[in-house]
Amino acid sequence: MDSAAQLLIELARRYAFADLGALAPRVLPDAEQIADVCEFGQRLLSLDAEDFAAEARSVPVPLKRRARACHMPQTPREQPRGALASLRPAYSLLLEVIAVRWHRRDLSPMIAAVHIASEYLPLLAFEPSFGHAGDPARWPAGLSAEGSRFGVIGERECDHTKAEQSATNRTLRVSAEPPEGWRAYFDRQHSQVAGALATCVAACRKPCAAMDWIAPAEREDLSVRARTALTFADTPLVRLRHAAPVGHGFGVPSAEEVLDAWTRSRSTLNKNPVGAAAAAEDGFPLPGLPSLISAVAGVRVEPSTLLADVSAHLIGLITPALAETKVKNFRMPA
């Protein structure tokens, strides 16, 4: 096979969607379809959840449907609700992205993906209780029932920070805001609501009535899972995201540093049956991470195959195109 053709296939296998989309038109005629699929794959790899539902005419419907399950709605009434209906598909994609980034040794974006996973993990814990994934349009009335301090700004007996009080106050009314306000809330405050909810059920020193709508036995189980989510957010692995600048650039951890941080994180987490799930040897690049996320969720969450299926679809497009046409003379751009 021509070396340029081999390069295209290898780029697809390495999930190098941006490079493949840029180079395919230099090698193949009529490569618009390949470029369109590559743009779709790159959005997934970059975790651009705002645009997962963007039009991609060349992408098979089953792949688009799976991506839309991870999409964050951009208006209060947008249907379907995507990641606000359930975070489980999004976490499956997060796990696949983390694995792909690890194998590519893209460690800075890998740690960024881990950080995203830590921010919203409390909502994954709450999903069985809410019946959704923290949709501000569907909060239970019990959150603001009589005796609840949830969302009350300036309440001194509440353990929420000022930023969390502001975020929880807004989340109770943001579904009535215009799309611009809705998007701004998700950009800046929704992750703080996730942490605030975990504090309510697992770490509040003076509990109010905010969690009384959850049955005591269910609340006890939820408390352990939410506490584990809070612990994960403060582990050495997640703290790598906040590494200080080094020299004239920014520090990027080595693979050895990542594994060392995860080893220490697993020890930190191993304080209850939920956190102990991180000790599992489940074959993941960060062993035990899928098991930990599953334990917090209360259901099994496996890494998705969405990126792998996009890669396979691209190879299926490239191979016949190469067979039908003579490959163009190809030079790497200067």
C-alpha atoms as a PDB file:
ATOM      1  CA  MET A   1       0.000   0.000   0.000  1.00  0.00           C
ATOM      2  CA  ASP A   2       1.199   3.540  -0.762  1.00  0.00           C
ATOM      3  CA  SER A   3       2.954   5.190   2.191  1.00  0.00           C
ATOM      4  CA  ALA A   4       0.513   8.120   2.147  1.00  0.00           C
ATOM      5  CA  ALA A   5      -2.400   5.682   2.283  1.00  0.00           C
ATOM      6  CA  GLN A   6      -0.774   3.860   5.182  1.00  0.00           C
ATOM      7  CA  LEU A   7      -0.398   7.196   6.937  1.00  0.00           C
ATOM      8  CA  LEU A   8      -4.135   7.922   6.659  1.00  0.00           C
ATOM      9  CA  ILE A   9      -5.093   4.544   8.079  1.00  0.00           C
ATOM     10  CA  GLU A  10      -2.583   4.862  10.907  1.00  0.00           C
ATOM     11  CA  LEU A  11      -3.932   8.316  11.787  1.00  0.00           C
ATOM     12  CA  ALA A  12      -7.430   6.845  12.014  1.00  0.00           C
ATOM     13  CA  ARG A  13      -6.185   4.019  14.245  1.00  0.00           C
ATOM     14  CA  ARG A  14      -4.470   6.541  16.535  1.00  0.00           C
ATOM     15  CA  TYR A  15      -7.641   8.660  16.780  1.00  0.00           C
ATOM     16  CA  ALA A  16      -5.715  11.576  15.240  1.00  0.00           C
ATOM     17  CA  PHE A  17      -8.935  12.935  13.812  1.00  0.00           C
ATOM     18  CA  ALA A  18      -7.797  16.544  13.406  1.00  0.00           C
ATOM     19  CA  ASP A  19      -4.667  15.536  11.487  1.00  0.00           C
ATOM     20  CA  LEU A  20      -6.551  13.028   9.364  1.00  0.00           C
ATOM     21  CA  GLY A  21      -9.232  15.569   8.490  1.00  0.00           C
ATOM     22  CA  ALA A  22      -6.595  18.086   7.454  1.00  0.00           C
ATOM     23  CA  LEU A  23      -4.440  15.683   5.432  1.00  0.00           C
ATOM     24  CA  ALA A  24      -7.044  13.483   3.719  1.00  0.00           C
ATOM     25  CA  PRO A  25      -7.934  16.125   1.074  1.00  0.00           C
ATOM     26  CA  ARG A  26      -4.223  16.335   0.188  1.00  0.00           C
ATOM     27  CA  VAL A  27      -4.151  12.604  -0.523  1.00  0.00           C
ATOM     28  CA  LEU A  28      -7.627  11.698  -1.778  1.00  0.00           C
ATOM     29  CA  PRO A  29     -10.052  13.453  -4.085  1.00  0.00           C
ATOM     30  CA  ASP A  30     -13.565  14.048  -2.761  1.00  0.00           C
ATOM     31  CA  ALA A  31     -12.496  13.708   0.874  1.00  0.00           C
ATOM     32  CA  GLU A  32     -15.246  15.966   2.259  1.00  0.00           C
ATOM     33  CA  GLN A  33     -17.076  13.034   3.847  1.00  0.00           C
ATOM     34  CA  ILE A  34     -13.921  11.880   5.626  1.00  0.00           C
ATOM     35  CA  ALA A  35     -13.229  15.423   6.846  1.00  0.00           C
ATOM     36  CA  ASP A  36     -16.792  15.695   8.182  1.00  0.00           C
ATOM     37  CA  VAL A  37     -16.481  12.466  10.172  1.00  0.00           C
ATOM     38  CA  CYS A  38     -13.074  13.580  11.456  1.00  0.00           C
ATOM     39  CA  GLU A  39     -14.562  16.830  12.751  1.00  0.00           C
ATOM     40  CA  PHE A  40     -17.208  14.797  14.578  1.00  0.00           C
ATOM     41  CA  GLY A  41     -14.554  12.485  16.068  1.00  0.00           C
ATOM     42  CA  GLN A  42     -12.385  15.407  17.159  1.00  0.00           C
ATOM     43  CA  ARG A  43     -15.316  16.988  19.018  1.00  0.00           C
ATOM     44  CA  LEU A  44     -15.745  13.734  20.932  1.00  0.00           C
ATOM     45  CA  LEU A  45     -12.039  13.406  21.684  1.00  0.00           C
ATOM     46  CA  SER A  46     -11.915  17.033  22.852  1.00  0.00           C
ATOM     47  CA  LEU A  47     -15.017  16.490  25.028  1.00  0.00           C
ATOM     48  CA  ASP A  48     -16.751  19.417  23.330  1.00  0.00           C
ATOM     49  CA  ALA A  49     -20.101  18.452  24.852  1.00  0.00           C
ATOM     50  CA  GLU A  50     -21.793  21.668  23.711  1.00  0.00           C
ATOM     51  CA  ASP A  51     -21.372  20.607  20.079  1.00  0.00           C
ATOM     52  CA  PHE A  52     -21.908  16.825  20.218  1.00  0.00           C
ATOM     53  CA  ALA A  53     -25.329  17.372  18.641  1.00  0.00           C
ATOM     54  CA  ALA A  54     -23.997  19.623  15.855  1.00  0.00           C
ATOM     55  CA  GLU A  55     -24.963  18.623  12.342  1.00  0.00           C
ATOM     56  CA  ALA A  56     -22.643  15.996  10.846  1.00  0.00           C
ATOM     57  CA  ARG A  57     -24.325  14.796   7.661  1.00  0.00           C
ATOM     58  CA  SER A  58     -21.681  12.204   6.812  1.00  0.00           C
ATOM     59  CA  VAL A  59     -21.783  10.474  10.205  1.00  0.00           C
ATOM     60  CA  PRO A  60     -23.984   7.359  10.528  1.00  0.00           C
ATOM     61  CA  VAL A  61     -27.119   7.917  12.592  1.00  0.00           C
ATOM     62  CA  PRO A  62     -26.226   5.335  15.297  1.00  0.00           C
ATOM     63  CA  LEU A  63     -22.943   7.163  16.017  1.00  0.00           C
ATOM     64  CA  LYS A  64     -24.701  10.541  16.153  1.00  0.00           C
ATOM     65  CA  ARG A  65     -27.355   9.127  18.458  1.00  0.00           C
ATOM     66  CA  ARG A  66     -24.700   7.862  20.887  1.00  0.00           C
ATOM     67  CA  ALA A  67     -22.943  11.235  20.810  1.00  0.00           C
ATOM     68  CA  ARG A  68     -26.210  13.077  21.510  1.00  0.00           C
ATOM     69  CA  ALA A  69     -26.623  10.997  24.669  1.00  0.00           C
ATOM     70  CA  CYS A  70     -23.497  12.802  25.945  1.00  0.00           C
ATOM     71  CA  HIS A  71     -24.559  16.239  24.687  1.00  0.00           C
ATOM     72  CA  MET A  72     -25.223  19.102  27.119  1.00  0.00           C
ATOM     73  CA  PRO A  73     -28.497  20.862  26.187  1.00  0.00           C
ATOM     74  CA  GLN A  74     -27.947  24.475  25.168  1.00  0.00           C
ATOM     75  CA  THR A  75     -31.391  25.782  26.122  1.00  0.00           C
ATOM     76  CA  PRO A  76     -33.649  25.110  29.130  1.00  0.00           C
ATOM     77  CA  ARG A  77     -36.229  23.264  27.017  1.00  0.00           C
ATOM     78  CA  GLU A  78     -34.029  21.485  24.464  1.00  0.00           C
ATOM     79  CA  GLN A  79     -35.024  17.880  23.762  1.00  0.00           C
ATOM     80  CA  PRO A  80     -33.698  15.262  24.174  1.00  0.00           C
ATOM     81  CA  ARG A  81     -31.996  16.120  27.465  1.00  0.00           C
ATOM     82  CA  GLY A  82     -28.783  14.202  26.731  1.00  0.00           C
ATOM     83  CA  ALA A  83     -26.301  14.377  29.618  1.00  0.00           C
ATOM     84  CA  LEU A  84     -28.943  15.968  31.854  1.00  0.00           C
ATOM     85  CA  ALA A  85     -31.101  12.855  31.503  1.00  0.00           C
ATOM     86  CA  SER A  86     -28.200  10.573  32.434  1.00  0.00           C
ATOM     87  CA  LEU A  87     -24.482  11.126  32.899  1.00  0.00           C
ATOM     88  CA  ARG A  88     -23.671   7.461  32.401  1.00  0.00           C
ATOM     89  CA  PRO A  89     -23.052   7.692  28.617  1.00  0.00           C
ATOM     90  CA  ALA A  90     -20.895  10.787  29.184  1.00  0.00           C
ATOM     91  CA  TYR A  91     -18.822   8.983  31.805  1.00  0.00           C
ATOM     92  CA  SER A  92     -18.411   6.013  29.491  1.00  0.00           C
ATOM     93  CA  LEU A  93     -17.045   8.410  26.875  1.00  0.00           C
ATOM     94  CA  LEU A  94     -14.828  10.109  29.479  1.00  0.00           C
ATOM     95  CA  LEU A  95     -13.289   6.752  30.332  1.00  0.00           C
ATOM     96  CA  GLU A  96     -12.644   5.984  26.667  1.00  0.00           C
ATOM     97  CA  VAL A  97     -11.078   9.426  26.147  1.00  0.00           C
ATOM     98  CA  ILE A  98      -8.845   8.937  29.203  1.00  0.00           C
ATOM     99  CA  ALA A  99      -7.671   5.564  27.842  1.00  0.00           C
ATOM    100  CA  VAL A 100      -7.032   6.959  24.342  1.00  0.00           C
ATOM    101  CA  ARG A 101      -5.134   9.954  25.712  1.00  0.00           C
ATOM    102  CA  TRP A 102      -3.050   7.625  27.884  1.00  0.00           C
ATOM    103  CA  HIS A 103      -2.076   5.387  24.971  1.00  0.00           C
ATOM    104  CA  ARG A 104      -1.219   8.457  22.869  1.00  0.00           C
ATOM    105  CA  ARG A 105       0.700   9.897  25.846  1.00  0.00           C
ATOM    106  CA  ASP A 106      -1.401  13.062  25.630  1.00  0.00           C
ATOM    107  CA  LEU A 107      -1.115  13.367  29.387  1.00  0.00           C
ATOM    108  CA  SER A 108      -2.153  16.989  29.846  1.00  0.00           C
ATOM    109  CA  PRO A 109      -5.548  16.515  28.116  1.00  0.00           C
ATOM    110  CA  MET A 110      -5.875  13.168  29.882  1.00  0.00           C
ATOM    111  CA  ILE A 111      -5.564  14.843  33.283  1.00  0.00           C
ATOM    112  CA  ALA A 112      -8.036  17.501  32.124  1.00  0.00           C
ATOM    113  CA  ALA A 113     -10.521  14.696  31.373  1.00  0.00           C
ATOM    114  CA  VAL A 114      -9.913  13.203  34.830  1.00  0.00           C
ATOM    115  CA  HIS A 115     -10.586  16.625  36.321  1.00  0.00           C
ATOM    116  CA  ILE A 116     -13.911  16.886  34.458  1.00  0.00           C
ATOM    117  CA  ALA A 117     -14.825  13.427  35.740  1.00  0.00           C
ATOM    118  CA  SER A 118     -14.117  14.560  39.312  1.00  0.00           C
ATOM    119  CA  GLU A 119     -16.188  17.764  39.050  1.00  0.00           C
ATOM    120  CA  TYR A 120     -19.450  16.086  38.058  1.00  0.00           C
ATOM    121  CA  LEU A 121     -19.023  12.776  39.896  1.00  0.00           C
ATOM    122  CA  PRO A 122     -21.422  13.794  42.716  1.00  0.00           C
ATOM    123  CA  LEU A 123     -24.215  14.174  40.140  1.00  0.00           C
ATOM    124  CA  LEU A 124     -23.520  10.628  38.968  1.00  0.00           C
ATOM    125  CA  ALA A 125     -23.970   9.524  42.590  1.00  0.00           C
ATOM    126  CA  PHE A 126     -27.268  11.435  42.884  1.00  0.00           C
ATOM    127  CA  GLU A 127     -28.686  10.190  39.577  1.00  0.00           C
ATOM    128  CA  PRO A 128     -30.585   7.174  41.037  1.00  0.00           C
ATOM    129  CA  SER A 129     -32.232   9.478  43.608  1.00  0.00           C
ATOM    130  CA  PHE A 130     -33.054  12.321  41.231  1.00  0.00           C
ATOM    131  CA  GLY A 131     -34.157  10.115  38.347  1.00  0.00           C
ATOM    132  CA  HIS A 132     -32.033  12.386  36.146  1.00  0.00           C
ATOM    133  CA  ALA A 133     -28.476  13.747  36.116  1.00  0.00           C
ATOM    134  CA  GLY A 134     -28.955  17.059  37.877  1.00  0.00           C
ATOM    135  CA  ASP A 135     -31.267  18.773  35.392  1.00  0.00           C
ATOM    136  CA  PRO A 136     -32.055  22.253  36.794  1.00  0.00           C
ATOM    137  CA  ALA A 137     -35.452  22.062  35.101  1.00  0.00           C
ATOM    138  CA  ARG A 138     -36.333  19.014  37.213  1.00  0.00           C
ATOM    139  CA  TRP A 139     -34.966  19.606  40.723  1.00  0.00           C
ATOM    140  CA  PRO A 140     -37.090  17.905  43.406  1.00  0.00           C
ATOM    141  CA  ALA A 141     -39.282  20.262  45.408  1.00  0.00           C
ATOM    142  CA  GLY A 142     -37.689  18.924  48.586  1.00  0.00           C
ATOM    143  CA  LEU A 143     -34.449  20.803  47.876  1.00  0.00           C
ATOM    144  CA  SER A 144     -36.202  24.072  48.708  1.00  0.00           C
ATOM    145  CA  ALA A 145     -38.764  22.747  51.191  1.00  0.00           C
ATOM    146  CA  GLU A 146     -39.447  24.470  54.504  1.00  0.00           C
ATOM    147  CA  GLY A 147     -36.373  24.236  56.704  1.00  0.00           C
ATOM    148  CA  SER A 148     -33.969  23.849  53.784  1.00  0.00           C
ATOM    149  CA  ARG A 149     -30.994  26.199  53.519  1.00  0.00           C
ATOM    150  CA  PHE A 150     -30.168  25.014  49.984  1.00  0.00           C
ATOM    151  CA  GLY A 151     -29.733  28.041  47.733  1.00  0.00           C
ATOM    152  CA  VAL A 152     -30.115  30.605  50.508  1.00  0.00           C
ATOM    153  CA  ILE A 153     -27.409  33.226  50.050  1.00  0.00           C
ATOM    154  CA  GLY A 154     -25.727  34.458  53.234  1.00  0.00           C
ATOM    155  CA  GLU A 155     -26.989  31.559  55.380  1.00  0.00           C
ATOM    156  CA  ARG A 156     -24.249  31.312  58.028  1.00  0.00           C
ATOM    157  CA  GLU A 157     -25.153  27.843  59.272  1.00  0.00           C
ATOM    158  CA  CYS A 158     -24.812  26.359  55.778  1.00  0.00           C
ATOM    159  CA  ASP A 159     -21.507  24.644  54.997  1.00  0.00           C
ATOM    160  CA  HIS A 160     -21.577  25.809  51.377  1.00  0.00           C
ATOM    161  CA  THR A 161     -19.001  28.378  50.315  1.00  0.00           C
ATOM    162  CA  LYS A 162     -20.182  31.765  49.038  1.00  0.00           C
ATOM    163  CA  ALA A 163     -19.619  30.563  45.461  1.00  0.00           C
ATOM    164  CA  GLU A 164     -21.648  27.401  46.133  1.00  0.00           C
ATOM    165  CA  GLN A 165     -24.477  29.396  47.724  1.00  0.00           C
ATOM    166  CA  SER A 166     -24.569  31.630  44.656  1.00  0.00           C
ATOM    167  CA  ALA A 167     -24.576  28.595  42.333  1.00  0.00           C
ATOM    168  CA  THR A 168     -27.277  26.721  44.257  1.00  0.00           C
ATOM    169  CA  ASN A 169     -29.447  29.824  44.421  1.00  0.00           C
ATOM    170  CA  ARG A 170     -29.188  30.250  40.666  1.00  0.00           C
ATOM    171  CA  THR A 171     -29.755  26.594  39.822  1.00  0.00           C
ATOM    172  CA  LEU A 172     -33.234  26.766  41.353  1.00  0.00           C
ATOM    173  CA  ARG A 173     -34.286  29.465  38.862  1.00  0.00           C
ATOM    174  CA  VAL A 174     -31.978  29.104  35.845  1.00  0.00           C
ATOM    175  CA  SER A 175     -34.517  27.050  33.866  1.00  0.00           C
ATOM    176  CA  ALA A 176     -36.550  30.253  33.500  1.00  0.00           C
ATOM    177  CA  GLU A 177     -33.605  32.207  32.090  1.00  0.00           C
ATOM    178  CA  PRO A 178     -32.963  32.792  28.366  1.00  0.00           C
ATOM    179  CA  PRO A 179     -30.546  30.433  26.537  1.00  0.00           C
ATOM    180  CA  GLU A 180     -27.617  32.824  27.091  1.00  0.00           C
ATOM    181  CA  GLY A 181     -28.084  32.708  30.863  1.00  0.00           C
ATOM    182  CA  TRP A 182     -28.558  28.933  30.794  1.00  0.00           C
ATOM    183  CA  ARG A 183     -25.272  28.438  28.933  1.00  0.00           C
ATOM    184  CA  ALA A 184     -23.419  30.864  31.209  1.00  0.00           C
ATOM    185  CA  TYR A 185     -24.658  28.934  34.251  1.00  0.00           C
ATOM    186  CA  PHE A 186     -23.327  25.642  32.873  1.00  0.00           C
ATOM    187  CA  ASP A 187     -20.021  27.248  31.953  1.00  0.00           C
ATOM    188  CA  ARG A 188     -19.403  28.636  35.434  1.00  0.00           C
ATOM    189  CA  GLN A 189     -21.639  27.198  38.142  1.00  0.00           C
ATOM    190  CA  HIS A 190     -23.111  23.741  37.495  1.00  0.00           C
ATOM    191  CA  SER A 191     -20.016  21.897  38.711  1.00  0.00           C
ATOM    192  CA  GLN A 192     -20.196  23.913  41.954  1.00  0.00           C
ATOM    193  CA  VAL A 193     -23.782  22.721  42.417  1.00  0.00           C
ATOM    194  CA  ALA A 194     -22.530  19.141  42.072  1.00  0.00           C
ATOM    195  CA  GLY A 195     -20.043  19.669  44.905  1.00  0.00           C
ATOM    196  CA  ALA A 196     -22.621  21.475  47.013  1.00  0.00           C
ATOM    197  CA  LEU A 197     -25.063  18.579  46.744  1.00  0.00           C
ATOM    198  CA  ALA A 198     -22.349  16.170  47.888  1.00  0.00           C
ATOM    199  CA  THR A 199     -21.638  18.413  50.866  1.00  0.00           C
ATOM    200  CA  CYS A 200     -25.341  18.422  51.785  1.00  0.00           C
ATOM    201  CA  VAL A 201     -25.644  14.672  51.968  1.00  0.00           C
ATOM    202  CA  ALA A 202     -22.149  13.695  53.100  1.00  0.00           C
ATOM    203  CA  ALA A 203     -20.244  16.507  54.809  1.00  0.00           C
ATOM    204  CA  CYS A 204     -22.650  19.062  56.295  1.00  0.00           C
ATOM    205  CA  ARG A 205     -21.972  19.754  59.986  1.00  0.00           C
ATOM    206  CA  LYS A 206     -25.463  21.181  60.608  1.00  0.00           C
ATOM    207  CA  PRO A 207     -27.822  19.346  58.241  1.00  0.00           C
ATOM    208  CA  CYS A 208     -31.005  21.151  57.204  1.00  0.00           C
ATOM    209  CA  ALA A 209     -34.116  19.755  55.522  1.00  0.00           C
ATOM    210  CA  ALA A 210     -32.596  19.852  51.991  1.00  0.00           C
ATOM    211  CA  MET A 211     -32.086  16.094  51.869  1.00  0.00           C
ATOM    212  CA  ASP A 212     -35.164  15.010  53.845  1.00  0.00           C
ATOM    213  CA  TRP A 213     -36.960  14.010  50.644  1.00  0.00           C
ATOM    214  CA  ILE A 214     -34.591  11.014  50.370  1.00  0.00           C
ATOM    215  CA  ALA A 215     -35.510   7.963  52.463  1.00  0.00           C
ATOM    216  CA  PRO A 216     -33.052   7.385  55.352  1.00  0.00           C
ATOM    217  CA  ALA A 217     -31.702   4.039  54.074  1.00  0.00           C
ATOM    218  CA  GLU A 218     -31.194   5.442  50.579  1.00  0.00           C
ATOM    219  CA  ARG A 219     -29.618   8.576  52.023  1.00  0.00           C
ATOM    220  CA  GLU A 220     -27.094   6.530  53.988  1.00  0.00           C
ATOM    221  CA  ASP A 221     -25.945   4.729  50.836  1.00  0.00           C
ATOM    222  CA  LEU A 222     -25.901   7.979  48.860  1.00  0.00           C
ATOM    223  CA  SER A 223     -23.833   9.637  51.587  1.00  0.00           C
ATOM    224  CA  VAL A 224     -21.023   7.096  51.206  1.00  0.00           C
ATOM    225  CA  ARG A 225     -21.010   7.400  47.409  1.00  0.00           C
ATOM    226  CA  ALA A 226     -21.106  11.219  47.519  1.00  0.00           C
ATOM    227  CA  ARG A 227     -18.365  11.349  50.157  1.00  0.00           C
ATOM    228  CA  THR A 228     -16.205   9.172  47.928  1.00  0.00           C
ATOM    229  CA  ALA A 229     -16.849  11.566  45.026  1.00  0.00           C
ATOM    230  CA  LEU A 230     -15.652  14.478  47.180  1.00  0.00           C
ATOM    231  CA  THR A 231     -12.572  12.504  48.194  1.00  0.00           C
ATOM    232  CA  PHE A 232     -11.754  11.684  44.566  1.00  0.00           C
ATOM    233  CA  ALA A 233     -11.851  15.392  43.696  1.00  0.00           C
ATOM    234  CA  ASP A 234      -9.086  15.999  46.236  1.00  0.00           C
ATOM    235  CA  THR A 235      -6.812  13.080  45.323  1.00  0.00           C
ATOM    236  CA  PRO A 236      -3.208  13.486  44.101  1.00  0.00           C
ATOM    237  CA  LEU A 237      -4.305  12.415  40.604  1.00  0.00           C
ATOM    238  CA  VAL A 238      -6.871  15.206  40.255  1.00  0.00           C
ATOM    239  CA  ARG A 239      -4.517  17.732  41.863  1.00  0.00           C
ATOM    240  CA  LEU A 240      -2.113  17.179  38.964  1.00  0.00           C
ATOM    241  CA  ARG A 241      -4.528  19.392  36.989  1.00  0.00           C
ATOM    242  CA  HIS A 242      -3.475  22.304  39.170  1.00  0.00           C
ATOM    243  CA  ALA A 243       0.286  21.792  38.829  1.00  0.00           C
ATOM    244  CA  ALA A 244       2.238  25.037  39.120  1.00  0.00           C
ATOM    245  CA  PRO A 245       4.059  26.535  36.134  1.00  0.00           C
ATOM    246  CA  VAL A 246       7.597  25.237  35.723  1.00  0.00           C
ATOM    247  CA  GLY A 247      10.322  27.283  34.038  1.00  0.00           C
ATOM    248  CA  HIS A 248       9.047  29.127  30.981  1.00  0.00           C
ATOM    249  CA  GLY A 249       6.148  26.765  30.331  1.00  0.00           C
ATOM    250  CA  PHE A 250       3.632  24.691  32.234  1.00  0.00           C
ATOM    251  CA  GLY A 251       4.452  21.421  33.883  1.00  0.00           C
ATOM    252  CA  VAL A 252       3.100  18.326  32.136  1.00  0.00           C
ATOM    253  CA  PRO A 253       3.276  15.158  34.260  1.00  0.00           C
ATOM    254  CA  SER A 254       5.136  12.143  32.951  1.00  0.00           C
ATOM    255  CA  ALA A 255       3.460   8.743  32.708  1.00  0.00           C
ATOM    256  CA  GLU A 256       5.391   7.661  35.791  1.00  0.00           C
ATOM    257  CA  GLU A 257       4.152  10.692  37.747  1.00  0.00           C
ATOM    258  CA  VAL A 258       0.562   9.993  36.715  1.00  0.00           C
ATOM    259  CA  LEU A 259       0.770   6.356  37.821  1.00  0.00           C
ATOM    260  CA  ASP A 260       2.421   7.358  41.096  1.00  0.00           C
ATOM    261  CA  ALA A 261      -0.301   9.927  41.763  1.00  0.00           C
ATOM    262  CA  TRP A 262      -2.983   7.328  41.001  1.00  0.00           C
ATOM    263  CA  THR A 263      -1.337   4.798  43.327  1.00  0.00           C
ATOM    264  CA  ARG A 264      -1.436   7.350  46.155  1.00  0.00           C
ATOM    265  CA  SER A 265      -4.998   8.284  45.214  1.00  0.00           C
ATOM    266  CA  ARG A 266      -6.155   4.667  45.446  1.00  0.00           C
ATOM    267  CA  SER A 267      -4.725   4.513  48.967  1.00  0.00           C
ATOM    268  CA  THR A 268      -6.556   7.718  49.905  1.00  0.00           C
ATOM    269  CA  LEU A 269      -9.837   6.394  48.526  1.00  0.00           C
ATOM    270  CA  ASN A 270      -9.628   3.010  50.242  1.00  0.00           C
ATOM    271  CA  LYS A 271     -11.552   4.118  53.351  1.00  0.00           C
ATOM    272  CA  ASN A 272     -14.979   2.602  52.645  1.00  0.00           C
ATOM    273  CA  PRO A 273     -16.470  -0.094  50.396  1.00  0.00           C
ATOM    274  CA  VAL A 274     -17.164   2.418  47.605  1.00  0.00           C
ATOM    275  CA  GLY A 275     -13.687   3.918  47.578  1.00  0.00           C
ATOM    276  CA  ALA A 276     -12.161   0.457  47.877  1.00  0.00           C
ATOM    277  CA  ALA A 277     -13.426  -0.237  44.355  1.00  0.00           C
ATOM    278  CA  ALA A 278     -10.471   1.830  43.088  1.00  0.00           C
ATOM    279  CA  ALA A 279      -8.206  -1.038  44.154  1.00  0.00           C
ATOM    280  CA  ALA A 280      -9.691  -3.311  41.472  1.00  0.00           C
ATOM    281  CA  GLU A 281      -7.395  -4.530  38.715  1.00  0.00           C
ATOM    282  CA  ASP A 282      -9.857  -4.061  35.866  1.00  0.00           C
ATOM    283  CA  GLY A 283      -7.416  -3.749  32.958  1.00  0.00           C
ATOM    284  CA  PHE A 284      -7.833   0.019  32.564  1.00  0.00           C
ATOM    285  CA  PRO A 285      -4.711   2.198  32.053  1.00  0.00           C
ATOM    286  CA  LEU A 286      -5.443   3.721  35.471  1.00  0.00           C
ATOM    287  CA  PRO A 287      -6.417   0.426  37.119  1.00  0.00           C
ATOM    288  CA  GLY A 288      -9.598   0.649  39.141  1.00  0.00           C
ATOM    289  CA  LEU A 289     -10.881   3.959  37.773  1.00  0.00           C
ATOM    290  CA  PRO A 290     -13.885   2.430  35.925  1.00  0.00           C
ATOM    291  CA  SER A 291     -14.635   0.329  39.008  1.00  0.00           C
ATOM    292  CA  LEU A 292     -14.521   3.419  41.230  1.00  0.00           C
ATOM    293  CA  ILE A 293     -16.835   5.404  38.954  1.00  0.00           C
ATOM    294  CA  SER A 294     -19.208   2.439  38.803  1.00  0.00           C
ATOM    295  CA  ALA A 295     -19.265   2.168  42.601  1.00  0.00           C
ATOM    296  CA  VAL A 296     -20.057   5.874  42.960  1.00  0.00           C
ATOM    297  CA  ALA A 297     -22.760   5.610  40.277  1.00  0.00           C
ATOM    298  CA  GLY A 298     -24.299   2.530  41.865  1.00  0.00           C
ATOM    299  CA  VAL A 299     -24.360   0.808  38.459  1.00  0.00           C
ATOM    300  CA  ARG A 300     -21.677  -0.550  36.141  1.00  0.00           C
ATOM    301  CA  VAL A 301     -20.150   2.148  33.912  1.00  0.00           C
ATOM    302  CA  GLU A 302     -17.857   0.731  31.223  1.00  0.00           C
ATOM    303  CA  PRO A 303     -15.584   2.681  28.861  1.00  0.00           C
ATOM    304  CA  SER A 304     -17.457   3.327  25.632  1.00  0.00           C
ATOM    305  CA  THR A 305     -16.352   2.257  22.162  1.00  0.00           C
ATOM    306  CA  LEU A 306     -17.609   5.435  20.484  1.00  0.00           C
ATOM    307  CA  LEU A 307     -14.172   6.718  19.460  1.00  0.00           C
ATOM    308  CA  ALA A 308     -13.129   3.241  18.351  1.00  0.00           C
ATOM    309  CA  ASP A 309     -16.252   2.958  16.217  1.00  0.00           C
ATOM    310  CA  VAL A 310     -15.634   6.371  14.630  1.00  0.00           C
ATOM    311  CA  SER A 311     -12.076   5.219  13.856  1.00  0.00           C
ATOM    312  CA  ALA A 312     -13.340   1.984  12.297  1.00  0.00           C
ATOM    313  CA  HIS A 313     -15.886   3.900  10.232  1.00  0.00           C
ATOM    314  CA  LEU A 314     -13.146   6.200   8.913  1.00  0.00           C
ATOM    315  CA  ILE A 315     -10.976   3.231   7.940  1.00  0.00           C
ATOM    316  CA  GLY A 316     -13.996   1.821   6.138  1.00  0.00           C
ATOM    317  CA  LEU A 317     -14.300   5.068   4.190  1.00  0.00           C
ATOM    318  CA  ILE A 318     -10.593   5.403   3.428  1.00  0.00           C
ATOM    319  CA  THR A 319      -9.934   1.858   2.209  1.00  0.00           C
ATOM    320  CA  PRO A 320     -12.342   1.790  -0.777  1.00  0.00           C
ATOM    321  CA  ALA A 321     -11.411   5.365  -1.656  1.00  0.00           C
ATOM    322  CA  LEU A 322      -7.790   4.270  -1.945  1.00  0.00           C
ATOM    323  CA  ALA A 323      -8.750   1.275  -4.066  1.00  0.00           C
ATOM    324  CA  GLU A 324     -10.817   3.378  -6.476  1.00  0.00           C
ATOM    325  CA  THR A 325      -8.388   6.169  -7.144  1.00  0.00           C
ATOM    326  CA  LYS A 326      -4.725   6.777  -7.564  1.00  0.00           C
ATOM    327  CA  VAL A 327      -3.382   8.488  -4.480  1.00  0.00           C
ATOM    328  CA  LYS A 328      -2.303  12.068  -5.066  1.00  0.00           C
ATOM    329  CA  ASN A 329       1.324  13.047  -4.781  1.00  0.00           C
ATOM    330  CA  PHE A 330       1.631  13.941  -1.141  1.00  0.00           C
ATOM    331  CA  ARG A 331       3.933  16.238   0.778  1.00  0.00           C
ATOM    332  CA  MET A 332       3.749  17.048   4.442  1.00  0.00           C
ATOM    333  CA  PRO A 333       2.959  20.726   4.941  1.00  0.00           C
ATOM    334  CA  ALA A 334       5.939  22.882   5.816  1.00  0.00           C
END
